[in-house]
């Protein structure tokens, strides 16, 4: 998704923020705010922002897990159960 697909001037945003926020919720994509034709900020619906943040956290955890495996920092299911007092 390119931010140029959804852009709005800062003036239009400030003139009618309610409409702009409704557009954000309907489009489910970030909107580039511009001043003088140049991008100055990005706004997006909170649910989209939170979902993207969760996806980033998940991907970082996956990468960290792969690094741990490469460095031999892994445990068998039996070892994990023992450490958690489940066996």
N, C-alpha and C. Protein backbone atom coordinates (compact mmCIF):
# COMPACT_ATOMS: atom_id res chain seq x y z
N UNK A 1 0.86 -1.18 0.00
CA UNK A 1 0.00 0.00 0.00
C UNK A 1 0.89 1.23 0.00
N UNK A 2 0.65 2.09 -0.91
CA UNK A 2 1.37 3.35 -1.00
C UNK A 2 0.58 4.43 -0.28
N UNK A 3 1.28 5.26 0.49
CA UNK A 3 0.59 6.33 1.20
C UNK A 3 -0.03 7.34 0.26
N UNK A 4 0.48 7.41 -0.96
CA UNK A 4 -0.09 8.36 -1.90
C UNK A 4 -1.49 7.93 -2.34
N UNK A 5 -1.87 6.68 -2.07
CA UNK A 5 -3.21 6.22 -2.40
C UNK A 5 -4.25 6.94 -1.55
N UNK A 6 -3.86 7.35 -0.36
CA UNK A 6 -4.79 8.01 0.55
C UNK A 6 -4.07 9.19 1.20
N UNK A 7 -4.35 10.38 0.70
CA UNK A 7 -3.72 11.57 1.27
C UNK A 7 -4.76 12.67 1.42
N UNK A 8 -4.42 13.62 2.29
CA UNK A 8 -5.32 14.73 2.57
C UNK A 8 -4.47 15.90 3.05
N UNK A 9 -4.85 17.08 2.66
CA UNK A 9 -4.10 18.24 3.14
C UNK A 9 -4.37 18.44 4.62
N UNK A 10 -3.40 18.98 5.30
CA UNK A 10 -3.54 19.26 6.73
C UNK A 10 -4.70 20.21 6.96
N UNK A 11 -4.91 21.16 6.04
CA UNK A 11 -6.02 22.11 6.16
C UNK A 11 -7.36 21.38 6.09
N UNK A 12 -7.51 20.48 5.11
CA UNK A 12 -8.76 19.71 5.00
C UNK A 12 -8.99 18.88 6.25
N UNK A 13 -7.93 18.30 6.77
CA UNK A 13 -8.05 17.50 7.98
C UNK A 13 -8.52 18.34 9.15
N UNK A 14 -7.93 19.53 9.30
CA UNK A 14 -8.31 20.38 10.44
C UNK A 14 -9.69 21.02 10.24
N UNK A 15 -10.09 21.24 8.97
CA UNK A 15 -11.41 21.82 8.71
C UNK A 15 -12.54 20.85 9.07
N UNK A 16 -12.33 19.57 8.86
CA UNK A 16 -13.38 18.58 9.13
C UNK A 16 -12.77 17.29 9.65
N UNK A 17 -12.26 17.32 10.89
CA UNK A 17 -11.60 16.12 11.42
C UNK A 17 -12.54 14.92 11.55
N UNK A 18 -13.82 15.16 11.81
CA UNK A 18 -14.77 14.06 11.92
C UNK A 18 -14.88 13.27 10.64
N UNK A 19 -14.97 13.96 9.52
CA UNK A 19 -15.04 13.27 8.23
C UNK A 19 -13.75 12.51 7.97
N UNK A 20 -12.63 13.14 8.29
CA UNK A 20 -11.34 12.49 8.07
C UNK A 20 -11.24 11.21 8.89
N UNK A 21 -11.67 11.26 10.13
CA UNK A 21 -11.60 10.07 10.99
C UNK A 21 -12.57 8.98 10.51
N UNK A 22 -13.72 9.38 10.01
CA UNK A 22 -14.65 8.40 9.43
C UNK A 22 -14.03 7.73 8.21
N UNK A 23 -13.36 8.52 7.38
CA UNK A 23 -12.68 7.97 6.21
C UNK A 23 -11.62 6.95 6.62
N UNK A 24 -10.88 7.27 7.68
CA UNK A 24 -9.85 6.35 8.17
C UNK A 24 -10.47 5.02 8.57
N UNK A 25 -11.57 5.09 9.29
CA UNK A 25 -12.22 3.87 9.76
C UNK A 25 -12.77 3.04 8.59
N UNK A 26 -13.28 3.70 7.57
CA UNK A 26 -13.86 3.00 6.41
C UNK A 26 -12.79 2.39 5.51
N UNK A 27 -11.70 3.12 5.29
CA UNK A 27 -10.67 2.68 4.34
C UNK A 27 -9.73 1.63 4.92
N UNK A 28 -9.60 1.58 6.24
CA UNK A 28 -8.69 0.64 6.89
C UNK A 28 -7.27 0.76 6.36
N UNK A 29 -6.83 1.98 6.13
CA UNK A 29 -5.45 2.22 5.72
C UNK A 29 -5.02 3.60 6.22
N UNK A 30 -3.73 3.79 6.42
CA UNK A 30 -3.24 5.09 6.87
C UNK A 30 -3.48 6.17 5.82
N UNK A 31 -3.54 7.41 6.29
CA UNK A 31 -3.69 8.56 5.39
C UNK A 31 -2.51 9.50 5.60
N UNK A 32 -1.94 9.92 4.51
CA UNK A 32 -0.83 10.87 4.54
C UNK A 32 -1.39 12.28 4.61
N UNK A 33 -0.97 13.03 5.61
CA UNK A 33 -1.35 14.45 5.71
C UNK A 33 -0.26 15.27 5.05
N UNK A 34 -0.70 16.22 4.23
CA UNK A 34 0.27 17.03 3.47
C UNK A 34 0.14 18.50 3.81
N UNK A 35 1.24 19.19 3.65
CA UNK A 35 1.27 20.65 3.76
C UNK A 35 2.09 21.14 2.57
N UNK A 36 1.47 21.99 1.78
CA UNK A 36 2.17 22.48 0.59
C UNK A 36 2.52 21.36 -0.38
N UNK A 37 1.70 20.31 -0.39
CA UNK A 37 1.92 19.20 -1.31
C UNK A 37 2.94 18.18 -0.83
N UNK A 38 3.53 18.40 0.34
CA UNK A 38 4.54 17.47 0.86
C UNK A 38 4.01 16.78 2.11
N UNK A 39 4.32 15.51 2.24
CA UNK A 39 3.88 14.75 3.39
C UNK A 39 4.50 15.27 4.68
N UNK A 40 3.66 15.42 5.72
CA UNK A 40 4.16 15.89 7.01
C UNK A 40 3.81 14.94 8.16
N UNK A 41 2.79 14.10 7.99
CA UNK A 41 2.39 13.18 9.04
C UNK A 41 1.51 12.08 8.45
N UNK A 42 1.37 11.03 9.22
CA UNK A 42 0.49 9.92 8.84
C UNK A 42 -0.48 9.70 9.99
N UNK A 43 -1.75 9.55 9.66
CA UNK A 43 -2.76 9.22 10.66
C UNK A 43 -3.41 7.90 10.24
N UNK A 44 -3.82 7.14 11.26
CA UNK A 44 -4.49 5.89 10.96
C UNK A 44 -5.42 5.54 12.11
N UNK A 45 -6.38 4.69 11.83
CA UNK A 45 -7.34 4.26 12.84
C UNK A 45 -6.59 3.50 13.93
N UNK A 46 -7.06 3.64 15.16
CA UNK A 46 -6.40 3.02 16.29
C UNK A 46 -6.34 1.50 16.16
N UNK A 47 -7.42 0.87 15.70
CA UNK A 47 -7.41 -0.59 15.59
C UNK A 47 -6.36 -1.07 14.59
N UNK A 48 -6.16 -0.34 13.51
CA UNK A 48 -5.13 -0.69 12.53
C UNK A 48 -3.74 -0.51 13.14
N UNK A 49 -3.54 0.59 13.85
CA UNK A 49 -2.25 0.83 14.50
C UNK A 49 -1.93 -0.28 15.49
N UNK A 50 -2.91 -0.65 16.33
CA UNK A 50 -2.69 -1.69 17.32
C UNK A 50 -2.40 -3.03 16.66
N UNK A 51 -3.10 -3.36 15.60
CA UNK A 51 -2.86 -4.62 14.88
C UNK A 51 -1.46 -4.64 14.29
N UNK A 52 -1.02 -3.53 13.72
CA UNK A 52 0.33 -3.47 13.15
C UNK A 52 1.40 -3.59 14.23
N UNK A 53 1.16 -2.97 15.39
CA UNK A 53 2.11 -3.08 16.49
C UNK A 53 2.20 -4.52 16.99
N UNK A 54 1.06 -5.19 17.10
CA UNK A 54 1.06 -6.59 17.54
C UNK A 54 1.79 -7.47 16.53
N UNK A 55 1.58 -7.21 15.24
CA UNK A 55 2.28 -7.98 14.21
C UNK A 55 3.79 -7.78 14.31
N UNK A 56 4.22 -6.55 14.55
CA UNK A 56 5.66 -6.28 14.72
C UNK A 56 6.22 -7.02 15.93
N UNK A 57 5.49 -7.00 17.06
CA UNK A 57 5.95 -7.71 18.26
C UNK A 57 6.07 -9.20 17.97
N UNK A 58 5.08 -9.76 17.28
CA UNK A 58 5.09 -11.18 16.95
C UNK A 58 6.29 -11.52 16.07
N UNK A 59 6.51 -10.73 15.02
CA UNK A 59 7.61 -11.00 14.10
C UNK A 59 8.96 -10.89 14.81
N UNK A 60 9.10 -9.91 15.71
CA UNK A 60 10.35 -9.79 16.47
C UNK A 60 10.57 -11.03 17.34
N UNK A 61 9.48 -11.53 17.95
CA UNK A 61 9.59 -12.72 18.79
C UNK A 61 9.98 -13.94 17.95
N UNK A 62 9.42 -14.06 16.76
CA UNK A 62 9.77 -15.17 15.87
C UNK A 62 11.26 -15.09 15.50
N UNK A 63 11.72 -13.91 15.12
CA UNK A 63 13.13 -13.74 14.76
C UNK A 63 14.03 -14.07 15.95
N UNK A 64 13.64 -13.59 17.15
CA UNK A 64 14.44 -13.88 18.33
C UNK A 64 14.47 -15.39 18.60
N UNK A 65 13.34 -16.06 18.39
CA UNK A 65 13.30 -17.51 18.56
C UNK A 65 14.22 -18.22 17.59
N UNK A 66 14.27 -17.77 16.36
CA UNK A 66 15.17 -18.37 15.36
C UNK A 66 16.63 -18.14 15.73
N UNK A 67 16.93 -16.94 16.23
CA UNK A 67 18.30 -16.65 16.67
C UNK A 67 18.67 -17.57 17.84
N UNK A 68 17.74 -17.72 18.79
CA UNK A 68 17.99 -18.60 19.93
C UNK A 68 18.26 -20.03 19.47
N UNK A 69 17.48 -20.52 18.50
CA UNK A 69 17.70 -21.86 17.98
C UNK A 69 19.08 -22.00 17.35
N UNK A 70 19.47 -21.00 16.56
CA UNK A 70 20.79 -21.03 15.91
C UNK A 70 21.92 -21.05 16.92
N UNK A 71 21.71 -20.42 18.06
CA UNK A 71 22.75 -20.33 19.09
C UNK A 71 22.64 -21.47 20.11
N UNK A 72 21.75 -22.42 19.83
CA UNK A 72 21.63 -23.58 20.71
C UNK A 72 20.88 -23.31 22.00
N UNK A 73 20.13 -22.23 22.04
CA UNK A 73 19.36 -21.90 23.24
C UNK A 73 17.94 -22.44 23.09
N UNK A 74 17.84 -23.77 23.13
CA UNK A 74 16.53 -24.39 23.02
C UNK A 74 16.38 -25.44 24.11
N UNK A 75 15.15 -25.83 24.38
CA UNK A 75 14.85 -26.78 25.43
C UNK A 75 13.85 -27.80 24.90
N UNK A 76 13.96 -29.02 25.39
CA UNK A 76 12.97 -30.03 25.04
C UNK A 76 11.69 -29.76 25.82
N UNK A 77 10.61 -30.38 25.37
CA UNK A 77 9.33 -30.23 26.06
C UNK A 77 9.46 -30.72 27.50
N UNK A 78 10.19 -31.78 27.68
CA UNK A 78 10.40 -32.32 29.03
C UNK A 78 11.10 -31.29 29.92
N UNK A 79 12.15 -30.64 29.39
CA UNK A 79 12.87 -29.62 30.17
C UNK A 79 11.97 -28.44 30.52
N UNK A 80 11.15 -28.03 29.60
CA UNK A 80 10.24 -26.91 29.85
C UNK A 80 9.24 -27.28 30.94
N UNK A 81 8.68 -28.48 30.84
CA UNK A 81 7.72 -28.91 31.87
C UNK A 81 8.38 -28.96 33.24
N UNK A 82 9.62 -29.44 33.30
CA UNK A 82 10.34 -29.50 34.57
C UNK A 82 10.55 -28.08 35.12
N UNK A 83 11.00 -27.17 34.28
CA UNK A 83 11.24 -25.79 34.74
C UNK A 83 9.96 -25.13 35.25
N UNK A 84 8.83 -25.47 34.63
CA UNK A 84 7.55 -24.88 35.04
C UNK A 84 6.86 -25.69 36.13
N UNK A 85 7.48 -26.77 36.55
CA UNK A 85 6.90 -27.60 37.59
C UNK A 85 5.65 -28.34 37.14
N UNK A 86 5.60 -28.72 35.88
CA UNK A 86 4.43 -29.38 35.33
C UNK A 86 4.61 -30.88 35.16
N UNK A 87 5.78 -31.40 35.49
CA UNK A 87 5.99 -32.85 35.28
C UNK A 87 6.02 -33.59 36.58
